[in-house]
C-alpha cells in the first residue's frame, strides 16, 4: 500500500512529492497513508 500511496501522490502533484511529503510532514503523511490503506483494502 505504501508504494501505491506514493505513486498516487506523485501523480496528483509532482514526481517526488510523496517522498518529500513523508520527509517534511511525517505525522500527516502517516495519517493519510492509514486512511488511504483503510479505504482501499
Protein backbone atom coordinates (compact mmCIF):
# COMPACT_ATOMS: atom_id res chain seq x y z
CA UNK A 1 0.00 0.00 0.00
CA UNK A 2 2.88 2.37 0.74
CA UNK A 3 4.15 2.25 -2.85
CA UNK A 4 0.66 2.84 -4.25
CA UNK A 5 0.16 5.82 -1.96
CA UNK A 6 3.49 7.35 -3.01
CA UNK A 7 2.60 6.82 -6.68
CA UNK A 8 -0.81 8.42 -6.19
CA UNK A 9 0.69 11.49 -4.53
CA UNK A 10 3.26 11.79 -7.31
CA UNK A 11 0.51 11.64 -9.93
CA UNK A 12 -1.67 14.18 -8.12
CA UNK A 13 1.08 16.72 -7.52
CA UNK A 14 4.57 16.24 -8.98
CA UNK A 15 7.15 13.49 -9.29
CA UNK A 16 8.85 13.13 -5.92
CA UNK A 17 6.08 14.77 -3.90
CA UNK A 18 5.21 11.59 -1.99
CA UNK A 19 8.69 11.15 -0.56
CA UNK A 20 9.05 14.89 0.07
CA UNK A 21 5.72 14.92 1.93
CA UNK A 22 6.84 11.98 4.05
CA UNK A 23 10.14 13.66 4.91
CA UNK A 24 8.68 17.08 5.72
CA UNK A 25 5.43 16.15 7.50
CA UNK A 26 5.62 12.60 8.76
CA UNK A 27 2.58 12.79 11.07
CA UNK A 28 0.24 13.99 8.33
CA UNK A 29 1.76 11.51 5.89
CA UNK A 30 1.14 8.60 8.26
CA UNK A 31 -2.46 9.69 8.94
CA UNK A 32 -3.21 9.99 5.23
CA UNK A 33 -1.47 6.70 4.45
CA UNK A 34 -3.58 4.96 7.11
CA UNK A 35 -6.76 6.48 5.73
CA UNK A 36 -5.75 5.51 2.18
CA UNK A 37 -4.99 1.95 3.31
CA UNK A 38 -8.28 1.61 5.19
CA UNK A 39 -10.32 2.92 2.25
CA UNK A 40 -8.57 0.89 -0.43
CA UNK A 41 -8.24 -2.54 1.10
